[in-house]
């Protein structure tokens, strides 16, 4: 489980960004080993709420959202290399006004242990 709260502490006089709260939880399977490789499937669910922007130039009607994202993924460990990949799908989107939002979110991390 994880959570994050963002509160703007510095902003322009014309625009005050909205606060944001993000929370997530995940599950993973111990995975399978094949020779020197280990494959671990996982599933995460992340919810987010972002408040409306304020101020004269804040466009409160076109900012802020509530969304729920489901993220299946895989982790592959081979010797000193780890590859982590996931795709996030929006299970629920409630965007205020006219906002451009991606239908899928892709993540790929590759790391090497020295």
Foldseek 3Di string as FASTA:
>chain_A
DDKDKDADPDDDQAKGFWIKIKDKDKDKDQADDDVQKTKIKMKMKMWMWTAFMDGNPRPRQQAIWIWIKIKIWMWMDGPFKIKIKIKIATPDIDGGDDDDDDRIDIDIDMDGDD
